[in-house]
mmCIF file of all heavy atoms, coordinates in Angstrom:
data_MODEL
# 
_entry.id   MODEL 
# 
loop_
_atom_site.group_PDB 
_atom_site.id 
_atom_site.type_symbol 
_atom_site.label_atom_id 
_atom_site.label_alt_id 
_atom_site.label_comp_id 
_atom_site.label_asym_id 
_atom_site.label_entity_id 
_atom_site.label_seq_id 
_atom_site.pdbx_PDB_ins_code 
_atom_site.Cartn_x 
_atom_site.Cartn_y 
_atom_site.Cartn_z 
_atom_site.occupancy 
_atom_site.B_iso_or_equiv 
_atom_site.pdbx_formal_charge 
_atom_site.auth_seq_id 
_atom_site.auth_comp_id 
_atom_site.auth_asym_id 
_atom_site.auth_atom_id 
_atom_site.pdbx_PDB_model_num 
ATOM 1   N N   . LYS A 1 1  ? 0.813  -1.206 0.000   1.00 0.00 ? 1  LYS A N   1 
ATOM 2   C CA  . LYS A 1 1  ? 0.000  0.000  0.000   1.00 0.00 ? 1  LYS A CA  1 
ATOM 3   C C   . LYS A 1 1  ? 0.850  1.261  0.000   1.00 0.00 ? 1  LYS A C   1 
ATOM 4   O O   . LYS A 1 1  ? 0.485  2.273  -0.573  1.00 0.00 ? 1  LYS A O   1 
ATOM 5   C CB  . LYS A 1 1  ? -0.930 -0.004 1.214   1.00 0.00 ? 1  LYS A CB  1 
ATOM 6   C CG  . LYS A 1 1  ? -2.011 -1.076 1.152   1.00 0.00 ? 1  LYS A CG  1 
ATOM 7   C CD  . LYS A 1 1  ? -2.852 -1.099 2.415   1.00 0.00 ? 1  LYS A CD  1 
ATOM 8   C CE  . LYS A 1 1  ? -3.894 -2.209 2.371   1.00 0.00 ? 1  LYS A CE  1 
ATOM 9   N NZ  . LYS A 1 1  ? -4.677 -2.288 3.628   1.00 0.00 ? 1  LYS A NZ  1 
ATOM 10  N N   . SER A 1 2  ? 1.964  1.215  0.679   1.00 0.00 ? 2  SER A N   1 
ATOM 11  C CA  . SER A 1 2  ? 2.816  2.398  0.781   1.00 0.00 ? 2  SER A CA  1 
ATOM 12  C C   . SER A 1 2  ? 3.733  2.560  -0.420  1.00 0.00 ? 2  SER A C   1 
ATOM 13  O O   . SER A 1 2  ? 4.287  3.626  -0.648  1.00 0.00 ? 2  SER A O   1 
ATOM 14  C CB  . SER A 1 2  ? 3.677  2.314  2.052   1.00 0.00 ? 2  SER A CB  1 
ATOM 15  O OG  . SER A 1 2  ? 4.628  1.276  1.932   1.00 0.00 ? 2  SER A OG  1 
ATOM 16  N N   . GLY A 1 3  ? 3.913  1.479  -1.176  1.00 0.00 ? 3  GLY A N   1 
ATOM 17  C CA  . GLY A 1 3  ? 4.849  1.528  -2.293  1.00 0.00 ? 3  GLY A CA  1 
ATOM 18  C C   . GLY A 1 3  ? 6.267  1.292  -1.855  1.00 0.00 ? 3  GLY A C   1 
ATOM 19  O O   . GLY A 1 3  ? 7.188  1.423  -2.648  1.00 0.00 ? 3  GLY A O   1 
ATOM 20  N N   . LEU A 1 4  ? 6.471  0.958  -0.573  1.00 0.00 ? 4  LEU A N   1 
ATOM 21  C CA  . LEU A 1 4  ? 7.818  0.750  -0.050  1.00 0.00 ? 4  LEU A CA  1 
ATOM 22  C C   . LEU A 1 4  ? 8.475  -0.417 -0.767  1.00 0.00 ? 4  LEU A C   1 
ATOM 23  O O   . LEU A 1 4  ? 8.010  -1.534 -0.731  1.00 0.00 ? 4  LEU A O   1 
ATOM 24  C CB  . LEU A 1 4  ? 7.741  0.452  1.459   1.00 0.00 ? 4  LEU A CB  1 
ATOM 25  C CG  . LEU A 1 4  ? 9.068  0.222  2.170   1.00 0.00 ? 4  LEU A CG  1 
ATOM 26  C CD1 . LEU A 1 4  ? 9.910  1.480  2.119   1.00 0.00 ? 4  LEU A CD1 1 
ATOM 27  C CD2 . LEU A 1 4  ? 8.839  -0.198 3.624   1.00 0.00 ? 4  LEU A CD2 1 
ATOM 28  N N   . GLY A 1 5  ? 9.568  -0.121 -1.418  1.00 0.00 ? 5  GLY A N   1 
ATOM 29  C CA  . GLY A 1 5  ? 10.310 -1.179 -2.092  1.00 0.00 ? 5  GLY A CA  1 
ATOM 30  C C   . GLY A 1 5  ? 9.913  -1.372 -3.540  1.00 0.00 ? 5  GLY A C   1 
ATOM 31  O O   . GLY A 1 5  ? 10.729 -1.797 -4.356  1.00 0.00 ? 5  GLY A O   1 
ATOM 32  N N   . ILE A 1 6  ? 8.694  -1.080 -3.891  1.00 0.00 ? 6  ILE A N   1 
ATOM 33  C CA  . ILE A 1 6  ? 8.218  -1.308 -5.260  1.00 0.00 ? 6  ILE A CA  1 
ATOM 34  C C   . ILE A 1 6  ? 8.921  -0.379 -6.247  1.00 0.00 ? 6  ILE A C   1 
ATOM 35  O O   . ILE A 1 6  ? 9.414  -0.811 -7.283  1.00 0.00 ? 6  ILE A O   1 
ATOM 36  C CB  . ILE A 1 6  ? 6.686  -1.126 -5.344  1.00 0.00 ? 6  ILE A CB  1 
ATOM 37  C CG1 . ILE A 1 6  ? 5.991  -2.256 -4.578  1.00 0.00 ? 6  ILE A CG1 1 
ATOM 38  C CG2 . ILE A 1 6  ? 6.229  -1.103 -6.801  1.00 0.00 ? 6  ILE A CG2 1 
ATOM 39  C CD1 . ILE A 1 6  ? 4.482  -2.142 -4.568  1.00 0.00 ? 6  ILE A CD1 1 
ATOM 40  N N   . GLU A 1 7  ? 8.969  0.908  -5.914  1.00 0.00 ? 7  GLU A N   1 
ATOM 41  C CA  . GLU A 1 7  ? 9.563  1.871  -6.829  1.00 0.00 ? 7  GLU A CA  1 
ATOM 42  C C   . GLU A 1 7  ? 11.064 1.616  -6.996  1.00 0.00 ? 7  GLU A C   1 
ATOM 43  O O   . GLU A 1 7  ? 11.611 1.777  -8.094  1.00 0.00 ? 7  GLU A O   1 
ATOM 44  C CB  . GLU A 1 7  ? 9.325  3.299  -6.330  1.00 0.00 ? 7  GLU A CB  1 
ATOM 45  C CG  . GLU A 1 7  ? 9.751  4.374  -7.311  1.00 0.00 ? 7  GLU A CG  1 
ATOM 46  C CD  . GLU A 1 7  ? 9.052  4.253  -8.663  1.00 0.00 ? 7  GLU A CD  1 
ATOM 47  O OE1 . GLU A 1 7  ? 7.875  3.823  -8.706  1.00 0.00 ? 7  GLU A OE1 1 
ATOM 48  O OE2 . GLU A 1 7  ? 9.696  4.570  -9.680  1.00 0.00 ? 7  GLU A OE2 1 
ATOM 49  N N   . ALA A 1 8  ? 11.724 1.229  -5.906  1.00 0.00 ? 8  ALA A N   1 
ATOM 50  C CA  . ALA A 1 8  ? 13.160 0.939  -5.986  1.00 0.00 ? 8  ALA A CA  1 
ATOM 51  C C   . ALA A 1 8  ? 13.417 -0.230 -6.929  1.00 0.00 ? 8  ALA A C   1 
ATOM 52  O O   . ALA A 1 8  ? 14.346 -0.189 -7.750  1.00 0.00 ? 8  ALA A O   1 
ATOM 53  C CB  . ALA A 1 8  ? 13.711 0.631  -4.598  1.00 0.00 ? 8  ALA A CB  1 
ATOM 54  N N   . GLN A 1 9  ? 12.579 -1.280 -6.834  1.00 0.00 ? 9  GLN A N   1 
ATOM 55  C CA  . GLN A 1 9  ? 12.723 -2.417 -7.737  1.00 0.00 ? 9  GLN A CA  1 
ATOM 56  C C   . GLN A 1 9  ? 12.429 -2.007 -9.175  1.00 0.00 ? 9  GLN A C   1 
ATOM 57  O O   . GLN A 1 9  ? 13.133 -2.404 -10.107 1.00 0.00 ? 9  GLN A O   1 
ATOM 58  C CB  . GLN A 1 9  ? 11.770 -3.538 -7.317  1.00 0.00 ? 9  GLN A CB  1 
ATOM 59  C CG  . GLN A 1 9  ? 12.109 -4.186 -5.984  1.00 0.00 ? 9  GLN A CG  1 
ATOM 60  C CD  . GLN A 1 9  ? 11.113 -5.264 -5.611  1.00 0.00 ? 9  GLN A CD  1 
ATOM 61  O OE1 . GLN A 1 9  ? 10.896 -6.208 -6.360  1.00 0.00 ? 9  GLN A OE1 1 
ATOM 62  N NE2 . GLN A 1 9  ? 10.498 -5.123 -4.439  1.00 0.00 ? 9  GLN A NE2 1 
ATOM 63  N N   . ARG A 1 10 ? 11.391 -1.202 -9.340  1.00 0.00 ? 10 ARG A N   1 
ATOM 64  C CA  . ARG A 1 10 ? 11.013 -0.770 -10.691 1.00 0.00 ? 10 ARG A CA  1 
ATOM 65  C C   . ARG A 1 10 ? 12.151 0.010  -11.357 1.00 0.00 ? 10 ARG A C   1 
ATOM 66  O O   . ARG A 1 10 ? 12.468 -0.209 -12.527 1.00 0.00 ? 10 ARG A O   1 
ATOM 67  C CB  . ARG A 1 10 ? 9.747  0.081  -10.608 1.00 0.00 ? 10 ARG A CB  1 
ATOM 68  C CG  . ARG A 1 10 ? 9.279  0.619  -11.948 1.00 0.00 ? 10 ARG A CG  1 
ATOM 69  C CD  . ARG A 1 10 ? 7.990  1.390  -11.809 1.00 0.00 ? 10 ARG A CD  1 
ATOM 70  N NE  . ARG A 1 10 ? 6.874  0.514  -11.487 1.00 0.00 ? 10 ARG A NE  1 
ATOM 71  C CZ  . ARG A 1 10 ? 6.046  0.694  -10.452 1.00 0.00 ? 10 ARG A CZ  1 
ATOM 72  N NH1 . ARG A 1 10 ? 6.211  1.719  -9.633  1.00 0.00 ? 10 ARG A NH1 1 
ATOM 73  N NH2 . ARG A 1 10 ? 5.049  -0.142 -10.240 1.00 0.00 ? 10 ARG A NH2 1 
ATOM 74  N N   . GLN A 1 11 ? 12.757 0.901  -10.601 1.00 0.00 ? 11 GLN A N   1 
ATOM 75  C CA  . GLN A 1 11 ? 13.841 1.709  -11.156 1.00 0.00 ? 11 GLN A CA  1 
ATOM 76  C C   . GLN A 1 11 ? 15.073 0.862  -11.456 1.00 0.00 ? 11 GLN A C   1 
ATOM 77  O O   . GLN A 1 11 ? 15.749 1.077  -12.467 1.00 0.00 ? 11 GLN A O   1 
ATOM 78  C CB  . GLN A 1 11 ? 14.193 2.842  -10.190 1.00 0.00 ? 11 GLN A CB  1 
ATOM 79  C CG  . GLN A 1 11 ? 13.103 3.897  -10.073 1.00 0.00 ? 11 GLN A CG  1 
ATOM 80  C CD  . GLN A 1 11 ? 13.523 5.074  -9.213  1.00 0.00 ? 11 GLN A CD  1 
ATOM 81  O OE1 . GLN A 1 11 ? 14.692 5.223  -8.880  1.00 0.00 ? 11 GLN A OE1 1 
ATOM 82  N NE2 . GLN A 1 11 ? 12.570 5.910  -8.857  1.00 0.00 ? 11 GLN A NE2 1 
ATOM 83  N N   . ALA A 1 12 ? 15.367 -0.100 -10.579 1.00 0.00 ? 12 ALA A N   1 
ATOM 84  C CA  . ALA A 1 12 ? 16.524 -0.975 -10.810 1.00 0.00 ? 12 ALA A CA  1 
ATOM 85  C C   . ALA A 1 12 ? 16.347 -1.779 -12.094 1.00 0.00 ? 12 ALA A C   1 
ATOM 86  O O   . ALA A 1 12 ? 17.280 -1.931 -12.888 1.00 0.00 ? 12 ALA A O   1 
ATOM 87  C CB  . ALA A 1 12 ? 16.716 -1.903 -9.612  1.00 0.00 ? 12 ALA A CB  1 
ATOM 88  N N   . ILE A 1 13 ? 15.131 -2.293 -12.293 1.00 0.00 ? 13 ILE A N   1 
ATOM 89  C CA  . ILE A 1 13 ? 14.852 -3.075 -13.497 1.00 0.00 ? 13 ILE A CA  1 
ATOM 90  C C   . ILE A 1 13 ? 14.903 -2.189 -14.734 1.00 0.00 ? 13 ILE A C   1 
ATOM 91  O O   . ILE A 1 13 ? 15.433 -2.579 -15.781 1.00 0.00 ? 13 ILE A O   1 
ATOM 92  C CB  . ILE A 1 13 ? 13.485 -3.776 -13.368 1.00 0.00 ? 13 ILE A CB  1 
ATOM 93  C CG1 . ILE A 1 13 ? 13.549 -4.868 -12.293 1.00 0.00 ? 13 ILE A CG1 1 
ATOM 94  C CG2 . ILE A 1 13 ? 13.046 -4.368 -14.713 1.00 0.00 ? 13 ILE A CG2 1 
ATOM 95  C CD1 . ILE A 1 13 ? 12.205 -5.485 -11.965 1.00 0.00 ? 13 ILE A CD1 1 
ATOM 96  N N   . ALA A 1 14 ? 14.348 -0.975 -14.622 1.00 0.00 ? 14 ALA A N   1 
ATOM 97  C CA  . ALA A 1 14 ? 14.342 -0.055 -15.768 1.00 0.00 ? 14 ALA A CA  1 
ATOM 98  C C   . ALA A 1 14 ? 15.765 0.311  -16.188 1.00 0.00 ? 14 ALA A C   1 
ATOM 99  O O   . ALA A 1 14 ? 16.082 0.346  -17.384 1.00 0.00 ? 14 ALA A O   1 
ATOM 100 C CB  . ALA A 1 14 ? 13.552 1.210  -15.414 1.00 0.00 ? 14 ALA A CB  1 
ATOM 101 N N   . ARG A 1 15 ? 16.620 0.583  -15.205 1.00 0.00 ? 15 ARG A N   1 
ATOM 102 C CA  . ARG A 1 15 ? 18.010 0.929  -15.532 1.00 0.00 ? 15 ARG A CA  1 
ATOM 103 C C   . ARG A 1 15 ? 18.724 -0.254 -16.179 1.00 0.00 ? 15 ARG A C   1 
ATOM 104 O O   . ARG A 1 15 ? 19.469 -0.097 -17.142 1.00 0.00 ? 15 ARG A O   1 
ATOM 105 C CB  . ARG A 1 15 ? 18.755 1.355  -14.263 1.00 0.00 ? 15 ARG A CB  1 
ATOM 106 C CG  . ARG A 1 15 ? 18.469 2.768  -13.821 1.00 0.00 ? 15 ARG A CG  1 
ATOM 107 C CD  . ARG A 1 15 ? 19.499 3.226  -12.794 1.00 0.00 ? 15 ARG A CD  1 
ATOM 108 N NE  . ARG A 1 15 ? 19.485 2.376  -11.618 1.00 0.00 ? 15 ARG A NE  1 
ATOM 109 C CZ  . ARG A 1 15 ? 18.691 2.566  -10.574 1.00 0.00 ? 15 ARG A CZ  1 
ATOM 110 N NH1 . ARG A 1 15 ? 17.845 3.583  -10.565 1.00 0.00 ? 15 ARG A NH1 1 
ATOM 111 N NH2 . ARG A 1 15 ? 18.734 1.762  -9.530  1.00 0.00 ? 15 ARG A NH2 1 
ATOM 112 N N   . PHE A 1 16 ? 18.487 -1.450 -15.624 1.00 0.00 ? 16 PHE A N   1 
ATOM 113 C CA  . PHE A 1 16 ? 19.126 -2.646 -16.169 1.00 0.00 ? 16 PHE A CA  1 
ATOM 114 C C   . PHE A 1 16 ? 18.675 -2.883 -17.609 1.00 0.00 ? 16 PHE A C   1 
ATOM 115 O O   . PHE A 1 16 ? 19.499 -3.167 -18.483 1.00 0.00 ? 16 PHE A O   1 
ATOM 116 C CB  . PHE A 1 16 ? 18.774 -3.853 -15.299 1.00 0.00 ? 16 PHE A CB  1 
ATOM 117 C CG  . PHE A 1 16 ? 19.359 -5.142 -15.793 1.00 0.00 ? 16 PHE A CG  1 
ATOM 118 C CD1 . PHE A 1 16 ? 20.652 -5.512 -15.452 1.00 0.00 ? 16 PHE A CD1 1 
ATOM 119 C CD2 . PHE A 1 16 ? 18.629 -5.991 -16.614 1.00 0.00 ? 16 PHE A CD2 1 
ATOM 120 C CE1 . PHE A 1 16 ? 21.204 -6.696 -15.912 1.00 0.00 ? 16 PHE A CE1 1 
ATOM 121 C CE2 . PHE A 1 16 ? 19.174 -7.177 -17.076 1.00 0.00 ? 16 PHE A CE2 1 
ATOM 122 C CZ  . PHE A 1 16 ? 20.461 -7.529 -16.720 1.00 0.00 ? 16 PHE A CZ  1 
ATOM 123 N N   . ALA A 1 17 ? 17.372 -2.771 -17.846 1.00 0.00 ? 17 ALA A N   1 
ATOM 124 C CA  . ALA A 1 17 ? 16.841 -3.004 -19.190 1.00 0.00 ? 17 ALA A CA  1 
ATOM 125 C C   . ALA A 1 17 ? 17.380 -1.966 -20.177 1.00 0.00 ? 17 ALA A C   1 
ATOM 126 O O   . ALA A 1 17 ? 17.746 -2.294 -21.309 1.00 0.00 ? 17 ALA A O   1 
ATOM 127 C CB  . ALA A 1 17 ? 15.318 -2.969 -19.154 1.00 0.00 ? 17 ALA A CB  1 
ATOM 128 N N   . SER A 1 18 ? 17.440 -0.718 -19.742 1.00 0.00 ? 18 SER A N   1 
ATOM 129 C CA  . SER A 1 18 ? 17.931 0.350  -20.620 1.00 0.00 ? 18 SER A CA  1 
ATOM 130 C C   . SER A 1 18 ? 19.400 0.129  -20.978 1.00 0.00 ? 18 SER A C   1 
ATOM 131 O O   . SER A 1 18 ? 19.793 0.258  -22.141 1.00 0.00 ? 18 SER A O   1 
ATOM 132 C CB  . SER A 1 18 ? 17.764 1.699  -19.923 1.00 0.00 ? 18 SER A CB  1 
ATOM 133 O OG  . SER A 1 18 ? 18.302 2.745  -20.709 1.00 0.00 ? 18 SER A OG  1 
ATOM 134 N N   . THR A 1 19 ? 20.195 -0.233 -19.983 1.00 0.00 ? 19 THR A N   1 
ATOM 135 C CA  . THR A 1 19 ? 21.620 -0.467 -20.221 1.00 0.00 ? 19 THR A CA  1 
ATOM 136 C C   . THR A 1 19 ? 21.832 -1.663 -21.146 1.00 0.00 ? 19 THR A C   1 
ATOM 137 O O   . THR A 1 19 ? 22.730 -1.661 -21.996 1.00 0.00 ? 19 THR A O   1 
ATOM 138 C CB  . THR A 1 19 ? 22.362 -0.716 -18.895 1.00 0.00 ? 19 THR A CB  1 
ATOM 139 O OG1 . THR A 1 19 ? 22.183 0.422  -18.049 1.00 0.00 ? 19 THR A OG1 1 
ATOM 140 C CG2 . THR A 1 19 ? 23.842 -0.948 -19.114 1.00 0.00 ? 19 THR A CG2 1 
ATOM 141 N N   . GLY A 1 20 ? 20.996 -2.694 -20.979 1.00 0.00 ? 20 GLY A N   1 
ATOM 142 C CA  . GLY A 1 20 ? 21.154 -3.898 -21.784 1.00 0.00 ? 20 GLY A CA  1 
ATOM 143 C C   . GLY A 1 20 ? 20.419 -3.869 -23.104 1.00 0.00 ? 20 GLY A C   1 
ATOM 144 O O   . GLY A 1 20 ? 20.398 -4.876 -23.834 1.00 0.00 ? 20 GLY A O   1 
ATOM 145 N N   . GLY A 1 21 ? 19.777 -2.752 -23.414 1.00 0.00 ? 21 GLY A N   1 
ATOM 146 C CA  . GLY A 1 21 ? 19.054 -2.647 -24.668 1.00 0.00 ? 21 GLY A CA  1 
ATOM 147 C C   . GLY A 1 21 ? 17.828 -3.529 -24.730 1.00 0.00 ? 21 GLY A C   1 
ATOM 148 O O   . GLY A 1 21 ? 17.500 -4.096 -25.774 1.00 0.00 ? 21 GLY A O   1 
ATOM 149 N N   . MET A 1 22 ? 17.124 -3.649 -23.611 1.00 0.00 ? 22 MET A N   1 
ATOM 150 C CA  . MET A 1 22 ? 15.923 -4.486 -23.543 1.00 0.00 ? 22 MET A CA  1 
ATOM 151 C C   . MET A 1 22 ? 14.672 -3.619 -23.472 1.00 0.00 ? 22 MET A C   1 
ATOM 152 O O   . MET A 1 22 ? 14.703 -2.507 -22.949 1.00 0.00 ? 22 MET A O   1 
ATOM 153 C CB  . MET A 1 22 ? 15.963 -5.395 -22.313 1.00 0.00 ? 22 MET A CB  1 
ATOM 154 C CG  . MET A 1 22 ? 17.089 -6.397 -22.302 1.00 0.00 ? 22 MET A CG  1 
ATOM 155 S SD  . MET A 1 22 ? 17.030 -7.433 -20.801 1.00 0.00 ? 22 MET A SD  1 
ATOM 156 C CE  . MET A 1 22 ? 18.443 -8.512 -21.105 1.00 0.00 ? 22 MET A CE  1 
ATOM 157 N N   . GLU A 1 23 ? 13.587 -4.159 -23.959 1.00 0.00 ? 23 GLU A N   1 
ATOM 158 C CA  . GLU A 1 23 ? 12.289 -3.493 -23.886 1.00 0.00 ? 23 GLU A CA  1 
ATOM 159 C C   . GLU A 1 23 ? 11.386 -4.274 -22.934 1.00 0.00 ? 23 GLU A C   1 
ATOM 160 O O   . GLU A 1 23 ? 11.124 -5.467 -23.155 1.00 0.00 ? 23 GLU A O   1 
ATOM 161 C CB  . GLU A 1 23 ? 11.634 -3.404 -25.259 1.00 0.00 ? 23 GLU A CB  1 
ATOM 162 C CG  . GLU A 1 23 ? 10.253 -2.772 -25.219 1.00 0.00 ? 23 GLU A CG  1 
ATOM 163 C CD  . GLU A 1 23 ? 9.541  -2.840 -26.554 1.00 0.00 ? 23 GLU A CD  1 
ATOM 164 O OE1 . GLU A 1 23 ? 10.152 -3.331 -27.534 1.00 0.00 ? 23 GLU A OE1 1 
ATOM 165 O OE2 . GLU A 1 23 ? 8.363  -2.423 -26.612 1.00 0.00 ? 23 GLU A OE2 1 
ATOM 166 N N   . VAL A 1 24 ? 10.912 -3.639 -21.882 1.00 0.00 ? 24 VAL A N   1 
ATOM 167 C CA  . VAL A 1 24 ? 10.017 -4.291 -20.931 1.00 0.00 ? 24 VAL A CA  1 
ATOM 168 C C   . VAL A 1 24 ? 8.596  -4.241 -21.487 1.00 0.00 ? 24 VAL A C   1 
ATOM 169 O O   . VAL A 1 24 ? 7.994  -3.171 -21.607 1.00 0.00 ? 24 VAL A O   1 
ATOM 170 C CB  . VAL A 1 24 ? 10.072 -3.614 -19.550 1.00 0.00 ? 24 VAL A CB  1 
ATOM 171 C CG1 . VAL A 1 24 ? 9.060  -4.259 -18.608 1.00 0.00 ? 24 VAL A CG1 1 
ATOM 172 C CG2 . VAL A 1 24 ? 11.484 -3.717 -18.966 1.00 0.00 ? 24 VAL A CG2 1 
# 
């Protein structure tokens, strides 16, 4: 409900995908 941890995971995945040339 608070979003605790969710946004951090989302950003980590987004950065990884962007660096690796992946499309989520």
